[in-house]
């Protein structure tokens, strides 16, 4: 997690979109991970607190994390971070906030995935 350059940041929107499509075709991974991705995408500024996401989707590393790792692996990452599609920060109260990486937002916007 964090803001360091990753394979996701270095990938083109087209590459990210293709990786998302590939992962979406895998049985078992798709629904919870994809639902969390959409929830973040449609959130204001593509940002939510970790707690909000975990209330809805459970421990993020379990489902959304697996989804993120698989997308990053499709892009060529070896042993990617559990939340490779998001940047993590803390707000002024110390609450962990997750924001979709700009490259992921661009991939979704430019490829107009239908929900």
PDB file of N, CA and C in Angstrom:
ATOM      1  N   UNK A   1       0.839  -1.169   0.000  1.00  0.00           N
ATOM      2  CA  UNK A   1       0.000   0.000   0.000  1.00  0.00           C
ATOM      3  C   UNK A   1       0.878   1.224   0.000  1.00  0.00           C
ATOM      4  N   UNK A   2       0.307   2.378  -0.179  1.00  0.00           N
ATOM      5  CA  UNK A   2       1.088   3.587  -0.168  1.00  0.00           C
ATOM      6  C   UNK A   2       1.038   4.247  -1.526  1.00  0.00           C
ATOM      7  N   UNK A   3       1.969   5.160  -1.746  1.00  0.00           N
ATOM      8  CA  UNK A   3       1.933   5.914  -2.980  1.00  0.00           C
ATOM      9  C   UNK A   3       3.150   5.666  -3.857  1.00  0.00           C
ATOM     10  N   UNK A   4       3.999   4.691  -3.527  1.00  0.00           N
ATOM     11  CA  UNK A   4       5.159   4.410  -4.347  1.00  0.00           C
ATOM     12  C   UNK A   4       4.721   3.897  -5.721  1.00  0.00           C
ATOM     13  N   UNK A   5       5.599   4.109  -6.723  1.00  0.00           N
ATOM     14  CA  UNK A   5       5.319   3.669  -8.087  1.00  0.00           C
ATOM     15  C   UNK A   5       5.198   2.145  -8.109  1.00  0.00           C
ATOM     16  N   UNK A   6       4.163   1.646  -8.718  1.00  0.00           N
ATOM     17  CA  UNK A   6       3.953   0.202  -8.833  1.00  0.00           C
ATOM     18  C   UNK A   6       3.699  -0.145 -10.287  1.00  0.00           C
ATOM     19  N   UNK A   7       3.592  -1.424 -10.550  1.00  0.00           N
ATOM     20  CA  UNK A   7       3.281  -1.870 -11.906  1.00  0.00           C
ATOM     21  C   UNK A   7       1.929  -1.323 -12.357  1.00  0.00           C
ATOM     22  N   UNK A   8       1.004  -1.152 -11.424  1.00  0.00           N
ATOM     23  CA  UNK A   8      -0.306  -0.594 -11.780  1.00  0.00           C
ATOM     24  C   UNK A   8      -0.130   0.850 -12.239  1.00  0.00           C
ATOM     25  N   UNK A   9       0.671   1.630 -11.508  1.00  0.00           N
ATOM     26  CA  UNK A   9       0.908   3.020 -11.882  1.00  0.00           C
ATOM     27  C   UNK A   9       1.607   3.126 -13.235  1.00  0.00           C
ATOM     28  N   UNK A  10       2.492   2.185 -13.520  1.00  0.00           N
ATOM     29  CA  UNK A  10       3.290   2.224 -14.740  1.00  0.00           C
ATOM     30  C   UNK A  10       2.555   1.643 -15.952  1.00  0.00           C
ATOM     31  N   UNK A  11       1.422   1.019 -15.733  1.00  0.00           N
ATOM     32  CA  UNK A  11       0.670   0.383 -16.823  1.00  0.00           C
ATOM     33  C   UNK A  11      -0.265   1.384 -17.490  1.00  0.00           C
ATOM     34  N   UNK A  12      -0.531   1.137 -18.750  1.00  0.00           N
ATOM     35  CA  UNK A  12      -1.459   2.004 -19.483  1.00  0.00           C
ATOM     36  C   UNK A  12      -2.896   1.663 -19.085  1.00  0.00           C
ATOM     37  N   UNK A  13      -3.823   2.603 -19.298  1.00  0.00           N
ATOM     38  CA  UNK A  13      -5.238   2.307 -19.025  1.00  0.00           C
ATOM     39  C   UNK A  13      -5.725   1.082 -19.798  1.00  0.00           C
ATOM     40  N   UNK A  14      -5.242   0.904 -21.017  1.00  0.00           N
ATOM     41  CA  UNK A  14      -5.647  -0.253 -21.811  1.00  0.00           C
ATOM     42  C   UNK A  14      -5.156  -1.553 -21.175  1.00  0.00           C
ATOM     43  N   UNK A  15      -3.924  -1.569 -20.698  1.00  0.00           N
ATOM     44  CA  UNK A  15      -3.381  -2.756 -20.037  1.00  0.00           C
ATOM     45  C   UNK A  15      -4.164  -3.068 -18.759  1.00  0.00           C
ATOM     46  N   UNK A  16      -4.473  -2.043 -17.979  1.00  0.00           N
ATOM     47  CA  UNK A  16      -5.227  -2.236 -16.735  1.00  0.00           C
ATOM     48  C   UNK A  16      -6.623  -2.758 -17.045  1.00  0.00           C
ATOM     49  N   UNK A  17      -7.260  -2.170 -18.049  1.00  0.00           N
ATOM     50  CA  UNK A  17      -8.607  -2.621 -18.430  1.00  0.00           C
ATOM     51  C   UNK A  17      -8.592  -4.085 -18.848  1.00  0.00           C
ATOM     52  N   UNK A  18      -7.609  -4.488 -19.642  1.00  0.00           N
ATOM     53  CA  UNK A  18      -7.517  -5.886 -20.063  1.00  0.00           C
ATOM     54  C   UNK A  18      -7.294  -6.809 -18.870  1.00  0.00           C
ATOM     55  N   UNK A  19      -6.473  -6.368 -17.918  1.00  0.00           N
ATOM     56  CA  UNK A  19      -6.230  -7.177 -16.720  1.00  0.00           C
ATOM     57  C   UNK A  19      -7.505  -7.316 -15.895  1.00  0.00           C
ATOM     58  N   UNK A  20      -8.261  -6.253 -15.763  1.00  0.00           N
ATOM     59  CA  UNK A  20      -9.523  -6.299 -15.022  1.00  0.00           C
ATOM     60  C   UNK A  20     -10.494  -7.266 -15.704  1.00  0.00           C
ATOM     61  N   UNK A  21     -10.594  -7.198 -17.020  1.00  0.00           N
ATOM     62  CA  UNK A  21     -11.485  -8.092 -17.763  1.00  0.00           C
ATOM     63  C   UNK A  21     -11.068  -9.544 -17.545  1.00  0.00           C
ATOM     64  N   UNK A  22      -9.782  -9.823 -17.614  1.00  0.00           N
ATOM     65  CA  UNK A  22      -9.288 -11.185 -17.415  1.00  0.00           C
ATOM     66  C   UNK A  22      -9.641 -11.700 -16.027  1.00  0.00           C
ATOM     67  N   UNK A  23      -9.407 -10.883 -15.004  1.00  0.00           N
ATOM     68  CA  UNK A  23      -9.715 -11.290 -13.631  1.00  0.00           C
ATOM     69  C   UNK A  23     -11.218 -11.457 -13.441  1.00  0.00           C
ATOM     70  N   UNK A  24     -12.004 -10.619 -14.077  1.00  0.00           N
ATOM     71  CA  UNK A  24     -13.460 -10.725 -13.958  1.00  0.00           C
ATOM     72  C   UNK A  24     -13.996 -12.028 -14.533  1.00  0.00           C
ATOM     73  N   UNK A  25     -13.239 -12.649 -15.414  1.00  0.00           N
ATOM     74  CA  UNK A  25     -13.670 -13.901 -16.018  1.00  0.00           C
ATOM     75  C   UNK A  25     -13.357 -15.113 -15.142  1.00  0.00           C
ATOM     76  N   UNK A  26     -12.561 -14.917 -14.089  1.00  0.00           N
ATOM     77  CA  UNK A  26     -12.194 -16.013 -13.190  1.00  0.00           C
ATOM     78  C   UNK A  26     -13.328 -16.265 -12.198  1.00  0.00           C
ATOM     79  N   UNK A  27     -13.747 -17.491 -12.103  1.00  0.00           N
ATOM     80  CA  UNK A  27     -14.813 -17.835 -11.170  1.00  0.00           C
ATOM     81  C   UNK A  27     -14.357 -17.624  -9.731  1.00  0.00           C
ATOM     82  N   UNK A  28     -15.237 -17.162  -8.895  1.00  0.00           N
ATOM     83  CA  UNK A  28     -14.952 -17.028  -7.474  1.00  0.00           C
ATOM     84  C   UNK A  28     -14.329 -15.700  -7.082  1.00  0.00           C
ATOM     85  N   UNK A  29     -13.515 -15.124  -7.917  1.00  0.00           N
ATOM     86  CA  UNK A  29     -12.861 -13.865  -7.578  1.00  0.00           C
ATOM     87  C   UNK A  29     -13.729 -12.671  -7.906  1.00  0.00           C
ATOM     88  N   UNK A  30     -14.503 -12.798  -8.895  1.00  0.00           N
ATOM     89  CA  UNK A  30     -15.114 -11.665  -9.528  1.00  0.00           C
ATOM     90  C   UNK A  30     -16.030 -10.840  -8.631  1.00  0.00           C
ATOM     91  N   UNK A  31     -17.019 -11.422  -8.012  1.00  0.00           N
ATOM     92  CA  UNK A  31     -18.110 -10.631  -7.472  1.00  0.00           C
ATOM     93  C   UNK A  31     -17.735  -9.689  -6.336  1.00  0.00           C
ATOM     94  N   UNK A  32     -17.164 -10.178  -5.264  1.00  0.00           N
ATOM     95  CA  UNK A  32     -16.862  -9.290  -4.140  1.00  0.00           C
ATOM     96  C   UNK A  32     -15.796  -8.276  -4.527  1.00  0.00           C
ATOM     97  N   UNK A  33     -14.758  -8.723  -5.214  1.00  0.00           N
ATOM     98  CA  UNK A  33     -13.703  -7.804  -5.644  1.00  0.00           C
ATOM     99  C   UNK A  33     -14.221  -6.744  -6.587  1.00  0.00           C
ATOM    100  N   UNK A  34     -15.016  -7.159  -7.540  1.00  0.00           N
ATOM    101  CA  UNK A  34     -15.588  -6.218  -8.495  1.00  0.00           C
ATOM    102  C   UNK A  34     -16.563  -5.265  -7.808  1.00  0.00           C
ATOM    103  N   UNK A  35     -17.370  -5.775  -6.894  1.00  0.00           N
ATOM    104  CA  UNK A  35     -18.296  -4.911  -6.152  1.00  0.00           C
ATOM    105  C   UNK A  35     -17.539  -3.840  -5.363  1.00  0.00           C
ATOM    106  N   UNK A  36     -16.444  -4.226  -4.730  1.00  0.00           N
ATOM    107  CA  UNK A  36     -15.641  -3.255  -3.974  1.00  0.00           C
ATOM    108  C   UNK A  36     -15.007  -2.234  -4.915  1.00  0.00           C
ATOM    109  N   UNK A  37     -14.543  -2.693  -6.066  1.00  0.00           N
ATOM    110  CA  UNK A  37     -13.968  -1.781  -7.058  1.00  0.00           C
ATOM    111  C   UNK A  37     -14.993  -0.745  -7.493  1.00  0.00           C
ATOM    112  N   UNK A  38     -16.210  -1.188  -7.798  1.00  0.00           N
ATOM    113  CA  UNK A  38     -17.268  -0.258  -8.210  1.00  0.00           C
ATOM    114  C   UNK A  38     -17.640   0.695  -7.080  1.00  0.00           C
ATOM    115  N   UNK A  39     -17.700   0.180  -5.868  1.00  0.00           N
ATOM    116  CA  UNK A  39     -18.048   1.026  -4.723  1.00  0.00           C
ATOM    117  C   UNK A  39     -17.034   2.171  -4.599  1.00  0.00           C
ATOM    118  N   UNK A  40     -15.762   1.841  -4.718  1.00  0.00           N
ATOM    119  CA  UNK A  40     -14.720   2.869  -4.674  1.00  0.00           C
ATOM    120  C   UNK A  40     -14.804   3.806  -5.877  1.00  0.00           C
ATOM    121  N   UNK A  41     -15.035   3.258  -7.035  1.00  0.00           N
ATOM    122  CA  UNK A  41     -15.095   4.066  -8.252  1.00  0.00           C
ATOM    123  C   UNK A  41     -16.191   5.130  -8.156  1.00  0.00           C
ATOM    124  N   UNK A  42     -17.355   4.748  -7.646  1.00  0.00           N
ATOM    125  CA  UNK A  42     -18.479   5.681  -7.576  1.00  0.00           C
ATOM    126  C   UNK A  42     -18.482   6.552  -6.315  1.00  0.00           C
ATOM    127  N   UNK A  43     -17.566   6.316  -5.398  1.00  0.00           N
ATOM    128  CA  UNK A  43     -17.470   7.148  -4.189  1.00  0.00           C
ATOM    129  C   UNK A  43     -16.919   8.524  -4.573  1.00  0.00           C
ATOM    130  N   UNK A  44     -17.270   9.553  -3.800  1.00  0.00           N
ATOM    131  CA  UNK A  44     -16.707  10.884  -4.074  1.00  0.00           C
ATOM    132  C   UNK A  44     -15.181  10.824  -4.104  1.00  0.00           C
ATOM    133  N   UNK A  45     -14.603  11.363  -5.154  1.00  0.00           N
ATOM    134  CA  UNK A  45     -13.142  11.359  -5.347  1.00  0.00           C
ATOM    135  C   UNK A  45     -12.555   9.951  -5.358  1.00  0.00           C
ATOM    136  N   UNK A  46     -13.381   8.945  -5.598  1.00  0.00           N
ATOM    137  CA  UNK A  46     -12.946   7.538  -5.650  1.00  0.00           C
ATOM    138  C   UNK A  46     -12.267   7.127  -4.338  1.00  0.00           C
ATOM    139  N   UNK A  47     -12.791   7.664  -3.234  1.00  0.00           N
ATOM    140  CA  UNK A  47     -12.169   7.507  -1.923  1.00  0.00           C
ATOM    141  C   UNK A  47     -13.195   7.077  -0.882  1.00  0.00           C
ATOM    142  N   UNK A  48     -12.795   6.116  -0.041  1.00  0.00           N
ATOM    143  CA  UNK A  48     -13.604   5.687   1.101  1.00  0.00           C
ATOM    144  C   UNK A  48     -12.667   5.307   2.231  1.00  0.00           C
ATOM    145  N   UNK A  49     -13.210   5.292   3.430  1.00  0.00           N
ATOM    146  CA  UNK A  49     -12.383   4.811   4.535  1.00  0.00           C
ATOM    147  C   UNK A  49     -12.305   3.293   4.455  1.00  0.00           C
ATOM    148  N   UNK A  50     -11.224   2.786   4.983  1.00  0.00           N
ATOM    149  CA  UNK A  50     -11.056   1.333   5.032  1.00  0.00           C
ATOM    150  C   UNK A  50     -12.201   0.708   5.825  1.00  0.00           C
ATOM    151  N   UNK A  51     -12.586   1.354   6.929  1.00  0.00           N
ATOM    152  CA  UNK A  51     -13.662   0.829   7.776  1.00  0.00           C
ATOM    153  C   UNK A  51     -14.980   0.720   6.998  1.00  0.00           C
ATOM    154  N   UNK A  52     -15.308   1.732   6.197  1.00  0.00           N
ATOM    155  CA  UNK A  52     -16.541   1.686   5.402  1.00  0.00           C
ATOM    156  C   UNK A  52     -16.538   0.494   4.446  1.00  0.00           C
ATOM    157  N   UNK A  53     -15.408   0.294   3.791  1.00  0.00           N
ATOM    158  CA  UNK A  53     -15.307  -0.822   2.855  1.00  0.00           C
ATOM    159  C   UNK A  53     -15.374  -2.166   3.571  1.00  0.00           C
ATOM    160  N   UNK A  54     -14.723  -2.267   4.719  1.00  0.00           N
ATOM    161  CA  UNK A  54     -14.714  -3.546   5.443  1.00  0.00           C
ATOM    162  C   UNK A  54     -16.074  -3.868   6.041  1.00  0.00           C
ATOM    163  N   UNK A  55     -16.842  -2.870   6.423  1.00  0.00           N
ATOM    164  CA  UNK A  55     -18.206  -3.118   6.908  1.00  0.00           C
ATOM    165  C   UNK A  55     -19.020  -3.779   5.794  1.00  0.00           C
ATOM    166  N   UNK A  56     -18.835  -3.313   4.594  1.00  0.00           N
ATOM    167  CA  UNK A  56     -19.619  -3.823   3.470  1.00  0.00           C
ATOM    168  C   UNK A  56     -19.061  -5.117   2.865  1.00  0.00           C
ATOM    169  N   UNK A  57     -17.723  -5.236   2.808  1.00  0.00           N
ATOM    170  CA  UNK A  57     -17.119  -6.337   2.061  1.00  0.00           C
ATOM    171  C   UNK A  57     -16.254  -7.282   2.893  1.00  0.00           C
ATOM    172  N   UNK A  58     -16.137  -7.051   4.186  1.00  0.00           N
ATOM    173  CA  UNK A  58     -15.289  -7.894   5.022  1.00  0.00           C
ATOM    174  C   UNK A  58     -13.834  -7.449   4.945  1.00  0.00           C
ATOM    175  N   UNK A  59     -12.968  -8.191   5.589  1.00  0.00           N
ATOM    176  CA  UNK A  59     -11.546  -7.850   5.614  1.00  0.00           C
ATOM    177  C   UNK A  59     -11.049  -7.683   4.182  1.00  0.00           C
ATOM    178  N   UNK A  60     -10.527  -6.524   3.863  1.00  0.00           N
ATOM    179  CA  UNK A  60     -10.180  -6.212   2.480  1.00  0.00           C
ATOM    180  C   UNK A  60      -9.132  -7.141   1.888  1.00  0.00           C
ATOM    181  N   UNK A  61      -8.165  -7.549   2.674  1.00  0.00           N
ATOM    182  CA  UNK A  61      -7.134  -8.446   2.147  1.00  0.00           C
ATOM    183  C   UNK A  61      -7.706  -9.785   1.698  1.00  0.00           C
ATOM    184  N   UNK A  62      -8.834 -10.192   2.256  1.00  0.00           N
ATOM    185  CA  UNK A  62      -9.417 -11.487   1.918  1.00  0.00           C
ATOM    186  C   UNK A  62     -10.041 -11.531   0.527  1.00  0.00           C
ATOM    187  N   UNK A  63     -10.840 -10.563   0.170  1.00  0.00           N
ATOM    188  CA  UNK A  63     -11.570 -10.621  -1.097  1.00  0.00           C
ATOM    189  C   UNK A  63     -11.099  -9.555  -2.077  1.00  0.00           C
ATOM    190  N   UNK A  64     -11.242  -8.296  -1.696  1.00  0.00           N
ATOM    191  CA  UNK A  64     -10.797  -7.226  -2.575  1.00  0.00           C
ATOM    192  C   UNK A  64      -9.288  -7.314  -2.774  1.00  0.00           C
ATOM    193  N   UNK A  65      -8.577  -7.692  -1.732  1.00  0.00           N
ATOM    194  CA  UNK A  65      -7.128  -7.842  -1.828  1.00  0.00           C
ATOM    195  C   UNK A  65      -6.730  -8.913  -2.824  1.00  0.00           C
ATOM    196  N   UNK A  66      -7.421 -10.022  -2.802  1.00  0.00           N
ATOM    197  CA  UNK A  66      -7.145 -11.091  -3.761  1.00  0.00           C
ATOM    198  C   UNK A  66      -7.428 -10.605  -5.179  1.00  0.00           C
ATOM    199  N   UNK A  67      -8.511  -9.878  -5.346  1.00  0.00           N
ATOM    200  CA  UNK A  67      -8.873  -9.308  -6.650  1.00  0.00           C
ATOM    201  C   UNK A  67      -7.779  -8.353  -7.130  1.00  0.00           C
ATOM    202  N   UNK A  68      -7.341  -7.447  -6.256  1.00  0.00           N
ATOM    203  CA  UNK A  68      -6.291  -6.485  -6.607  1.00  0.00           C
ATOM    204  C   UNK A  68      -4.996  -7.193  -6.981  1.00  0.00           C
ATOM    205  N   UNK A  69      -4.618  -8.186  -6.176  1.00  0.00           N
ATOM    206  CA  UNK A  69      -3.395  -8.935  -6.473  1.00  0.00           C
ATOM    207  C   UNK A  69      -3.469  -9.611  -7.835  1.00  0.00           C
ATOM    208  N   UNK A  70      -4.610 -10.197  -8.142  1.00  0.00           N
ATOM    209  CA  UNK A  70      -4.760 -10.886  -9.435  1.00  0.00           C
ATOM    210  C   UNK A  70      -4.657  -9.908 -10.602  1.00  0.00           C
ATOM    211  N   UNK A  71      -5.253  -8.719 -10.462  1.00  0.00           N
ATOM    212  CA  UNK A  71      -5.132  -7.712 -11.523  1.00  0.00           C
ATOM    213  C   UNK A  71      -3.663  -7.329 -11.694  1.00  0.00           C
ATOM    214  N   UNK A  72      -2.969  -7.073 -10.587  1.00  0.00           N
ATOM    215  CA  UNK A  72      -1.549  -6.706 -10.658  1.00  0.00           C
ATOM    216  C   UNK A  72      -0.718  -7.838 -11.258  1.00  0.00           C
ATOM    217  N   UNK A  73      -1.045  -9.079 -10.918  1.00  0.00           N
ATOM    218  CA  UNK A  73      -0.328 -10.222 -11.505  1.00  0.00           C
ATOM    219  C   UNK A  73      -0.556 -10.296 -13.012  1.00  0.00           C
ATOM    220  N   UNK A  74      -1.768 -10.002 -13.447  1.00  0.00           N
ATOM    221  CA  UNK A  74      -2.056  -9.983 -14.889  1.00  0.00           C
ATOM    222  C   UNK A  74      -1.223  -8.913 -15.587  1.00  0.00           C
ATOM    223  N   UNK A  75      -0.857  -7.869 -14.855  1.00  0.00           N
ATOM    224  CA  UNK A  75      -0.016  -6.807 -15.408  1.00  0.00           C
ATOM    225  C   UNK A  75       1.468  -7.156 -15.345  1.00  0.00           C
ATOM    226  N   UNK A  76       1.795  -8.283 -14.697  1.00  0.00           N
ATOM    227  CA  UNK A  76       3.169  -8.736 -14.650  1.00  0.00           C
ATOM    228  C   UNK A  76       3.864  -8.626 -13.308  1.00  0.00           C
ATOM    229  N   UNK A  77       3.145  -8.239 -12.263  1.00  0.00           N
ATOM    230  CA  UNK A  77       3.759  -8.106 -10.938  1.00  0.00           C
ATOM    231  C   UNK A  77       4.020  -9.478 -10.324  1.00  0.00           C
ATOM    232  N   UNK A  78       5.116  -9.576  -9.602  1.00  0.00           N
ATOM    233  CA  UNK A  78       5.420 -10.766  -8.802  1.00  0.00           C
ATOM    234  C   UNK A  78       5.156 -10.404  -7.350  1.00  0.00           C
ATOM    235  N   UNK A  79       4.334 -11.178  -6.676  1.00  0.00           N
ATOM    236  CA  UNK A  79       4.008 -10.948  -5.270  1.00  0.00           C
ATOM    237  C   UNK A  79       3.550  -9.506  -5.005  1.00  0.00           C
ATOM    238  N   UNK A  80       2.491  -9.063  -5.713  1.00  0.00           N
ATOM    239  CA  UNK A  80       2.016  -7.686  -5.540  1.00  0.00           C
ATOM    240  C   UNK A  80       1.357  -7.453  -4.187  1.00  0.00           C
ATOM    241  N   UNK A  81       1.242  -6.206  -3.842  1.00  0.00           N
ATOM    242  CA  UNK A  81       0.581  -5.783  -2.615  1.00  0.00           C
ATOM    243  C   UNK A  81      -0.876  -6.211  -2.654  1.00  0.00           C
ATOM    244  N   UNK A  82      -1.440  -6.488  -1.487  1.00  0.00           N
ATOM    245  CA  UNK A  82      -2.837  -6.926  -1.388  1.00  0.00           C
ATOM    246  C   UNK A  82      -3.811  -5.876  -1.904  1.00  0.00           C
ATOM    247  N   UNK A  83      -3.453  -4.627  -1.811  1.00  0.00           N
ATOM    248  CA  UNK A  83      -4.353  -3.572  -2.268  1.00  0.00           C
ATOM    249  C   UNK A  83      -3.670  -2.746  -3.360  1.00  0.00           C
ATOM    250  N   UNK A  84      -3.208  -3.449  -4.382  1.00  0.00           N
ATOM    251  CA  UNK A  84      -2.406  -2.844  -5.440  1.00  0.00           C
ATOM    252  C   UNK A  84      -3.154  -1.815  -6.284  1.00  0.00           C
ATOM    253  N   UNK A  85      -4.474  -1.806  -6.246  1.00  0.00           N
ATOM    254  CA  UNK A  85      -5.246  -0.875  -7.073  1.00  0.00           C
ATOM    255  C   UNK A  85      -5.574   0.432  -6.364  1.00  0.00           C
ATOM    256  N   UNK A  86      -5.161   0.557  -5.102  1.00  0.00           N
ATOM    257  CA  UNK A  86      -5.503   1.752  -4.331  1.00  0.00           C
ATOM    258  C   UNK A  86      -4.264   2.379  -3.696  1.00  0.00           C
ATOM    259  N   UNK A  87      -4.396   3.661  -3.390  1.00  0.00           N
ATOM    260  CA  UNK A  87      -3.425   4.362  -2.556  1.00  0.00           C
ATOM    261  C   UNK A  87      -4.037   4.466  -1.172  1.00  0.00           C
ATOM    262  N   UNK A  88      -3.209   4.385  -0.175  1.00  0.00           N
ATOM    263  CA  UNK A  88      -3.660   4.446   1.214  1.00  0.00           C
ATOM    264  C   UNK A  88      -3.051   5.665   1.886  1.00  0.00           C
ATOM    265  N   UNK A  89      -3.853   6.308   2.702  1.00  0.00           N
ATOM    266  CA  UNK A  89      -3.366   7.444   3.483  1.00  0.00           C
ATOM    267  C   UNK A  89      -4.176   7.507   4.773  1.00  0.00           C
ATOM    268  N   UNK A  90      -3.829   8.461   5.620  1.00  0.00           N
ATOM    269  CA  UNK A  90      -4.594   8.676   6.848  1.00  0.00           C
ATOM    270  C   UNK A  90      -5.125  10.096   6.833  1.00  0.00           C
ATOM    271  N   UNK A  91      -6.374  10.243   7.278  1.00  0.00           N
ATOM    272  CA  UNK A  91      -6.928  11.584   7.365  1.00  0.00           C
ATOM    273  C   UNK A  91      -6.450  12.250   8.651  1.00  0.00           C
ATOM    274  N   UNK A  92      -6.941  13.447   8.918  1.00  0.00           N
ATOM    275  CA  UNK A  92      -6.495  14.215  10.087  1.00  0.00           C
ATOM    276  C   UNK A  92      -6.826  13.554  11.415  1.00  0.00           C
ATOM    277  N   UNK A  93      -7.720  12.573  11.413  1.00  0.00           N
ATOM    278  CA  UNK A  93      -8.097  11.852  12.628  1.00  0.00           C
ATOM    279  C   UNK A  93      -7.400  10.499  12.735  1.00  0.00           C
ATOM    280  N   UNK A  94      -6.499  10.215  11.801  1.00  0.00           N
ATOM    281  CA  UNK A  94      -5.781   8.951  11.825  1.00  0.00           C
ATOM    282  C   UNK A  94      -6.533   7.787  11.201  1.00  0.00           C
ATOM    283  N   UNK A  95      -7.639   8.082  10.538  1.00  0.00           N
ATOM    284  CA  UNK A  95      -8.451   7.037   9.896  1.00  0.00           C
ATOM    285  C   UNK A  95      -7.843   6.699   8.542  1.00  0.00           C
ATOM    286  N   UNK A  96      -7.700   5.400   8.261  1.00  0.00           N
ATOM    287  CA  UNK A  96      -7.128   4.955   6.994  1.00  0.00           C
ATOM    288  C   UNK A  96      -8.144   5.176   5.872  1.00  0.00           C
ATOM    289  N   UNK A  97      -7.672   5.858   4.832  1.00  0.00           N
ATOM    290  CA  UNK A  97      -8.491   6.201   3.675  1.00  0.00           C
ATOM    291  C   UNK A  97      -7.880   5.539   2.450  1.00  0.00           C
ATOM    292  N   UNK A  98      -8.727   4.915   1.639  1.00  0.00           N
ATOM    293  CA  UNK A  98      -8.279   4.263   0.411  1.00  0.00           C
ATOM    294  C   UNK A  98      -8.846   4.991  -0.794  1.00  0.00           C
ATOM    295  N   UNK A  99      -7.989   5.235  -1.777  1.00  0.00           N
ATOM    296  CA  UNK A  99      -8.375   5.925  -2.998  1.00  0.00           C
ATOM    297  C   UNK A  99      -7.907   5.103  -4.186  1.00  0.00           C
ATOM    298  N   UNK A 100      -8.795   4.905  -5.146  1.00  0.00           N
ATOM    299  CA  UNK A 100      -8.372   4.193  -6.355  1.00  0.00           C
ATOM    300  C   UNK A 100      -7.230   4.955  -7.008  1.00  0.00           C
ATOM    301  N   UNK A 101      -6.242   4.229  -7.481  1.00  0.00           N
ATOM    302  CA  UNK A 101      -5.115   4.851  -8.172  1.00  0.00           C
ATOM    303  C   UNK A 101      -5.638   5.551  -9.427  1.00  0.00           C
ATOM    304  N   UNK A 102      -5.065   6.697  -9.754  1.00  0.00           N
ATOM    305  CA  UNK A 102      -5.507   7.425 -10.953  1.00  0.00           C
ATOM    306  C   UNK A 102      -5.479   6.575 -12.224  1.00  0.00           C
ATOM    307  N   UNK A 103      -4.499   5.701 -12.350  1.00  0.00           N
ATOM    308  CA  UNK A 103      -4.413   4.851 -13.544  1.00  0.00           C
ATOM    309  C   UNK A 103      -5.595   3.886 -13.637  1.00  0.00           C
ATOM    310  N   UNK A 104      -6.095   3.439 -12.495  1.00  0.00           N
ATOM    311  CA  UNK A 104      -7.249   2.533 -12.475  1.00  0.00           C
ATOM    312  C   UNK A 104      -8.512   3.306 -12.833  1.00  0.00           C
ATOM    313  N   UNK A 105      -8.652   4.500 -12.280  1.00  0.00           N
ATOM    314  CA  UNK A 105      -9.812   5.347 -12.601  1.00  0.00           C
ATOM    315  C   UNK A 105      -9.841   5.627 -14.102  1.00  0.00           C
ATOM    316  N   UNK A 106      -8.690   5.983 -14.656  1.00  0.00           N
ATOM    317  CA  UNK A 106      -8.603   6.268 -16.087  1.00  0.00           C
ATOM    318  C   UNK A 106      -8.953   5.031 -16.909  1.00  0.00           C
ATOM    319  N   UNK A 107      -8.476   3.871 -16.491  1.00  0.00           N
ATOM    320  CA  UNK A 107      -8.788   2.632 -17.205  1.00  0.00           C
ATOM    321  C   UNK A 107     -10.292   2.387 -17.227  1.00  0.00           C
ATOM    322  N   UNK A 108     -10.938   2.578 -16.098  1.00  0.00           N
ATOM    323  CA  UNK A 108     -12.382   2.351 -16.021  1.00  0.00           C
ATOM    324  C   UNK A 108     -13.125   3.371 -16.874  1.00  0.00           C
ATOM    325  N   UNK A 109     -12.753   4.649 -16.744  1.00  0.00           N
ATOM    326  CA  UNK A 109     -13.423   5.698 -17.527  1.00  0.00           C
ATOM    327  C   UNK A 109     -13.220   5.514 -19.022  1.00  0.00           C
ATOM    328  N   UNK A 110     -11.999   5.244 -19.424  1.00  0.00           N
ATOM    329  CA  UNK A 110     -11.699   5.199 -20.853  1.00  0.00           C
ATOM    330  C   UNK A 110     -12.195   3.924 -21.514  1.00  0.00           C
ATOM    331  N   UNK A 111     -12.491   2.913 -20.749  1.00  0.00           N
ATOM    332  CA  UNK A 111     -12.971   1.671 -21.340  1.00  0.00           C
ATOM    333  C   UNK A 111     -14.430   1.409 -21.039  1.00  0.00           C
ATOM    334  N   UNK A 112     -15.061   2.335 -20.342  1.00  0.00           N
ATOM    335  CA  UNK A 112     -16.515   2.318 -20.130  1.00  0.00           C
ATOM    336  C   UNK A 112     -17.058   0.933 -19.797  1.00  0.00           C
ATOM    337  N   UNK A 113     -16.508   0.328 -18.746  1.00  0.00           N
ATOM    338  CA  UNK A 113     -17.043  -0.954 -18.308  1.00  0.00           C
ATOM    339  C   UNK A 113     -18.494  -0.774 -17.907  1.00  0.00           C
ATOM    340  N   UNK A 114     -19.306  -1.737 -18.255  1.00  0.00           N
ATOM    341  CA  UNK A 114     -20.690  -1.681 -17.780  1.00  0.00           C
ATOM    342  C   UNK A 114     -20.776  -2.493 -16.506  1.00  0.00           C
ATOM    343  N   UNK A 115     -21.506  -1.968 -15.557  1.00  0.00           N
ATOM    344  CA  UNK A 115     -21.604  -2.601 -14.238  1.00  0.00           C
ATOM    345  C   UNK A 115     -22.378  -3.860 -14.261  1.00  0.00           C
TER     346      UNK A 115
END
